[in-house]
Amino acid sequence: MPNTDHRQLAKERGTQAEFLLQNSMFAAVVSAVYDSNMEESMQTQPHEEDRREHLYRMNRALNDIVGLLGQWVDVRDNIHTEEQLATQDEHEGTITYE
């Protein structure tokens, strides 16, 4: 069943994403790159607008990556909640179709 496969993939992806987000080395790398980009940006000359824009985009990409990982964890958690509610409904004799 494709929907089940998709849900299982989303749950696995969310679990792996959570592992990364909780990994201190990953957090340290993201923080170090972000801080380094900010420091470099602060040291640019007024005419180096392109360099500052590039550094801004790099930091924006880091934020987007961390944000996407968080979204994947949220999706996994939502799937778990839906499954728990469906199981409760089945035990109560009511099956909910969503």
N, C-alpha and C. Protein backbone atom coordinates (compact mmCIF):
# COMPACT_ATOMS: atom_id res chain seq x y z
N MET A 1 0.85 -1.18 0.00
CA MET A 1 0.00 0.00 0.00
C MET A 1 0.90 1.24 0.00
N PRO A 2 0.85 2.06 -1.04
CA PRO A 2 1.75 3.21 -1.17
C PRO A 2 1.64 4.20 -0.01
N ASN A 3 0.43 4.46 0.47
CA ASN A 3 0.26 5.41 1.55
C ASN A 3 1.00 4.93 2.81
N THR A 4 0.93 3.63 3.07
CA THR A 4 1.62 3.07 4.22
C THR A 4 3.13 3.19 4.04
N ASP A 5 3.62 2.92 2.83
CA ASP A 5 5.05 3.07 2.56
C ASP A 5 5.50 4.51 2.75
N HIS A 6 4.69 5.45 2.29
CA HIS A 6 5.00 6.87 2.42
C HIS A 6 5.04 7.27 3.90
N ARG A 7 4.08 6.79 4.65
CA ARG A 7 4.04 7.10 6.08
C ARG A 7 5.24 6.50 6.81
N GLN A 8 5.60 5.27 6.44
CA GLN A 8 6.75 4.61 7.08
C GLN A 8 8.03 5.37 6.75
N LEU A 9 8.17 5.78 5.50
CA LEU A 9 9.34 6.57 5.11
C LEU A 9 9.39 7.88 5.89
N ALA A 10 8.26 8.53 6.03
CA ALA A 10 8.21 9.80 6.77
C ALA A 10 8.57 9.58 8.24
N LYS A 11 8.13 8.48 8.82
CA LYS A 11 8.47 8.19 10.22
C LYS A 11 9.96 7.93 10.37
N GLU A 12 10.54 7.16 9.45
CA GLU A 12 11.98 6.88 9.50
C GLU A 12 12.79 8.16 9.30
N ARG A 13 12.36 8.97 8.34
CA ARG A 13 13.05 10.23 8.08
C ARG A 13 12.99 11.13 9.31
N GLY A 14 11.84 11.18 9.96
CA GLY A 14 11.70 11.99 11.17
C GLY A 14 12.58 11.51 12.29
N THR A 15 12.70 10.21 12.44
CA THR A 15 13.57 9.65 13.48
C THR A 15 15.02 10.00 13.21
N GLN A 16 15.44 9.87 11.96
CA GLN A 16 16.81 10.22 11.60
C GLN A 16 17.06 11.72 11.77
N ALA A 17 16.08 12.52 11.43
CA ALA A 17 16.20 13.98 11.58
C ALA A 17 16.35 14.34 13.06
N GLU A 18 15.55 13.69 13.90
CA GLU A 18 15.65 13.95 15.33
C GLU A 18 17.03 13.59 15.86
N PHE A 19 17.56 12.48 15.37
CA PHE A 19 18.90 12.07 15.78
C PHE A 19 19.91 13.16 15.44
N LEU A 20 19.83 13.70 14.22
CA LEU A 20 20.75 14.77 13.84
C LEU A 20 20.58 16.01 14.71
N LEU A 21 19.33 16.40 14.93
CA LEU A 21 19.08 17.61 15.71
C LEU A 21 19.55 17.47 17.15
N GLN A 22 19.54 16.26 17.67
CA GLN A 22 19.98 16.03 19.05
C GLN A 22 21.48 15.71 19.14
N ASN A 23 22.12 15.57 18.00
CA ASN A 23 23.54 15.22 17.97
C ASN A 23 24.37 16.47 18.25
N SER A 24 25.18 16.42 19.29
CA SER A 24 25.95 17.60 19.68
C SER A 24 26.99 17.98 18.64
N MET A 25 27.55 17.02 17.92
CA MET A 25 28.53 17.34 16.88
C MET A 25 27.86 18.08 15.72
N PHE A 26 26.68 17.63 15.32
CA PHE A 26 25.95 18.32 14.25
C PHE A 26 25.65 19.75 14.69
N ALA A 27 25.16 19.92 15.91
CA ALA A 27 24.84 21.26 16.42
C ALA A 27 26.09 22.13 16.46
N ALA A 28 27.20 21.55 16.86
CA ALA A 28 28.45 22.31 16.93
C ALA A 28 28.91 22.75 15.55
N VAL A 29 28.79 21.88 14.56
CA VAL A 29 29.21 22.22 13.20
C VAL A 29 28.32 23.33 12.64
N VAL A 30 27.01 23.18 12.79
CA VAL A 30 26.09 24.20 12.29
C VAL A 30 26.39 25.55 12.96
N SER A 31 26.58 25.52 14.25
CA SER A 31 26.86 26.75 15.00
C SER A 31 28.19 27.37 14.57
N ALA A 32 29.22 26.54 14.40
CA ALA A 32 30.54 27.05 14.02
C ALA A 32 30.50 27.67 12.63
N VAL A 33 29.82 27.03 11.68
CA VAL A 33 29.73 27.58 10.33
C VAL A 33 28.94 28.89 10.35
N TYR A 34 27.83 28.89 11.07
CA TYR A 34 27.01 30.10 11.16
C TYR A 34 27.82 31.25 11.77
N ASP A 35 28.48 30.99 12.88
CA ASP A 35 29.27 32.03 13.55
C ASP A 35 30.41 32.52 12.68
N SER A 36 31.07 31.59 11.99
CA SER A 36 32.18 31.96 11.11
C SER A 36 31.68 32.86 9.97
N ASN A 37 30.53 32.51 9.41
CA ASN A 37 29.96 33.34 8.34
C ASN A 37 29.59 34.73 8.85
N MET A 38 29.04 34.79 10.05
CA MET A 38 28.68 36.10 10.62
C MET A 38 29.93 36.93 10.87
N GLU A 39 30.96 36.31 11.43
CA GLU A 39 32.21 37.02 11.70
C GLU A 39 32.83 37.53 10.41
N GLU A 40 32.86 36.67 9.40
CA GLU A 40 33.43 37.08 8.11
C GLU A 40 32.61 38.22 7.49
N SER A 41 31.31 38.13 7.63
CA SER A 41 30.43 39.18 7.10
C SER A 41 30.72 40.52 7.77
N MET A 42 30.95 40.48 9.07
CA MET A 42 31.21 41.72 9.81
C MET A 42 32.56 42.33 9.42
N GLN A 43 33.44 41.52 8.88
CA GLN A 43 34.78 42.00 8.53
C GLN A 43 34.90 42.41 7.06
N THR A 44 33.82 42.32 6.31
CA THR A 44 33.89 42.72 4.91
C THR A 44 33.98 44.24 4.79
N GLN A 45 34.49 44.64 3.66
CA GLN A 45 34.58 46.07 3.35
C GLN A 45 33.22 46.54 2.81
N PRO A 46 32.93 47.83 2.92
CA PRO A 46 31.63 48.34 2.45
C PRO A 46 31.31 47.97 1.00
N HIS A 47 32.30 47.89 0.14
CA HIS A 47 32.06 47.58 -1.27
C HIS A 47 31.85 46.09 -1.54
N GLU A 48 32.00 45.23 -0.54
CA GLU A 48 31.89 43.77 -0.72
C GLU A 48 30.46 43.28 -0.47
N GLU A 49 29.54 43.94 -1.12
CA GLU A 49 28.12 43.58 -0.96
C GLU A 49 27.84 42.15 -1.41
N ASP A 50 28.45 41.73 -2.51
CA ASP A 50 28.23 40.38 -3.01
C ASP A 50 28.71 39.32 -2.01
N ARG A 51 29.83 39.59 -1.38
CA ARG A 51 30.37 38.65 -0.38
C ARG A 51 29.41 38.56 0.80
N ARG A 52 28.93 39.69 1.30
CA ARG A 52 27.99 39.67 2.42
C ARG A 52 26.70 38.94 2.05
N GLU A 53 26.22 39.16 0.83
CA GLU A 53 25.01 38.48 0.36
C GLU A 53 25.23 36.97 0.31
N HIS A 54 26.39 36.56 -0.18
CA HIS A 54 26.73 35.14 -0.23
C HIS A 54 26.75 34.52 1.18
N LEU A 55 27.36 35.20 2.10
CA LEU A 55 27.42 34.70 3.49
C LEU A 55 26.03 34.65 4.11
N TYR A 56 25.22 35.65 3.82
CA TYR A 56 23.84 35.65 4.31
C TYR A 56 23.09 34.44 3.77
N ARG A 57 23.25 34.17 2.48
CA ARG A 57 22.56 33.02 1.87
C ARG A 57 23.04 31.70 2.46
N MET A 58 24.33 31.62 2.76
CA MET A 58 24.85 30.40 3.39
C MET A 58 24.19 30.18 4.75
N ASN A 59 24.08 31.23 5.53
CA ASN A 59 23.45 31.10 6.85
C ASN A 59 21.96 30.83 6.71
N ARG A 60 21.34 31.41 5.72
CA ARG A 60 19.92 31.14 5.48
C ARG A 60 19.73 29.67 5.13
N ALA A 61 20.64 29.12 4.34
CA ALA A 61 20.58 27.70 3.98
C ALA A 61 20.73 26.82 5.22
N LEU A 62 21.62 27.18 6.12
CA LEU A 62 21.77 26.42 7.37
C LEU A 62 20.47 26.45 8.16
N ASN A 63 19.86 27.63 8.26
CA ASN A 63 18.58 27.75 8.97
C ASN A 63 17.50 26.91 8.30
N ASP A 64 17.49 26.91 6.97
CA ASP A 64 16.50 26.12 6.24
C ASP A 64 16.70 24.63 6.48
N ILE A 65 17.94 24.18 6.51
CA ILE A 65 18.23 22.76 6.76
C ILE A 65 17.74 22.35 8.13
N VAL A 66 18.09 23.12 9.14
CA VAL A 66 17.66 22.80 10.51
C VAL A 66 16.14 22.87 10.62
N GLY A 67 15.54 23.85 9.96
CA GLY A 67 14.08 23.97 9.98
C GLY A 67 13.41 22.78 9.31
N LEU A 68 13.95 22.33 8.19
CA LEU A 68 13.37 21.18 7.50
C LEU A 68 13.49 19.92 8.34
N LEU A 69 14.62 19.74 8.98
CA LEU A 69 14.78 18.59 9.88
C LEU A 69 13.71 18.63 10.97
N GLY A 70 13.47 19.80 11.52
CA GLY A 70 12.44 19.96 12.54
C GLY A 70 11.06 19.62 12.01
N GLN A 71 10.79 20.03 10.77
CA GLN A 71 9.50 19.71 10.16
C GLN A 71 9.34 18.20 9.99
N TRP A 72 10.40 17.52 9.61
CA TRP A 72 10.34 16.07 9.45
C TRP A 72 10.04 15.39 10.77
N VAL A 73 10.60 15.91 11.87
CA VAL A 73 10.30 15.36 13.19
C VAL A 73 8.83 15.60 13.52
N ASP A 74 8.33 16.78 13.22
CA ASP A 74 6.92 17.10 13.47
C ASP A 74 5.99 16.18 12.69
N VAL A 75 6.32 15.92 11.43
CA VAL A 75 5.50 15.02 10.61
C VAL A 75 5.48 13.63 11.23
N ARG A 76 6.64 13.15 11.63
CA ARG A 76 6.71 11.84 12.28
C ARG A 76 5.84 11.80 13.52
N ASP A 77 5.93 12.83 14.33
CA ASP A 77 5.13 12.89 15.56
C ASP A 77 3.64 12.93 15.26
N ASN A 78 3.26 13.67 14.22
CA ASN A 78 1.85 13.72 13.83
C ASN A 78 1.35 12.36 13.36
N ILE A 79 2.17 11.64 12.62
CA ILE A 79 1.79 10.30 12.17
C ILE A 79 1.62 9.37 13.37
N HIS A 80 2.53 9.45 14.32
CA HIS A 80 2.42 8.63 15.53
C HIS A 80 1.13 8.95 16.29
N THR A 81 0.81 10.23 16.39
CA THR A 81 -0.42 10.63 17.08
C THR A 81 -1.65 10.09 16.36
N GLU A 82 -1.67 10.22 15.04
CA GLU A 82 -2.80 9.69 14.26
C GLU A 82 -2.94 8.19 14.45
N GLU A 83 -1.83 7.49 14.45
CA GLU A 83 -1.87 6.04 14.63
C GLU A 83 -2.37 5.66 16.01
N GLN A 84 -1.95 6.41 17.02
CA GLN A 84 -2.42 6.13 18.37
C GLN A 84 -3.92 6.38 18.49
N LEU A 85 -4.39 7.47 17.89
CA LEU A 85 -5.82 7.76 17.94
C LEU A 85 -6.63 6.70 17.19
N ALA A 86 -6.12 6.24 16.05
CA ALA A 86 -6.80 5.20 15.28
C ALA A 86 -6.86 3.90 16.09
N THR A 87 -5.79 3.59 16.79
CA THR A 87 -5.76 2.37 17.62
C THR A 87 -6.76 2.50 18.76
N GLN A 88 -6.82 3.66 19.39
CA GLN A 88 -7.78 3.88 20.47
C GLN A 88 -9.20 3.74 19.96
N ASP A 89 -9.48 4.32 18.80
CA ASP A 89 -10.81 4.24 18.21
C ASP A 89 -11.18 2.79 17.90
N GLU A 90 -10.22 2.02 17.40
CA GLU A 90 -10.48 0.61 17.09
C GLU A 90 -10.81 -0.16 18.35
N HIS A 91 -10.11 0.15 19.44
CA HIS A 91 -10.36 -0.54 20.71
C HIS A 91 -11.70 -0.16 21.30
N GLU A 92 -12.17 1.03 20.96
CA GLU A 92 -13.46 1.48 21.45
C GLU A 92 -14.59 1.07 20.50
N GLY A 93 -14.24 0.35 19.42
CA GLY A 93 -15.25 -0.11 18.49
C GLY A 93 -15.58 0.86 17.39
N THR A 94 -14.85 1.96 17.31
CA THR A 94 -15.09 2.97 16.28
C THR A 94 -13.84 3.07 15.43
N ILE A 95 -14.03 3.01 14.14
CA ILE A 95 -12.88 3.17 13.23
C ILE A 95 -13.06 4.51 12.56
N THR A 96 -12.02 5.33 12.63
CA THR A 96 -12.05 6.66 12.04
C THR A 96 -11.27 6.61 10.72
N TYR A 97 -11.89 7.11 9.66
CA TYR A 97 -11.24 7.16 8.36
C TYR A 97 -10.87 8.61 8.08
N GLU A 98 -9.58 8.82 7.82
CA GLU A 98 -9.10 10.17 7.49
C GLU A 98 -8.30 10.14 6.23
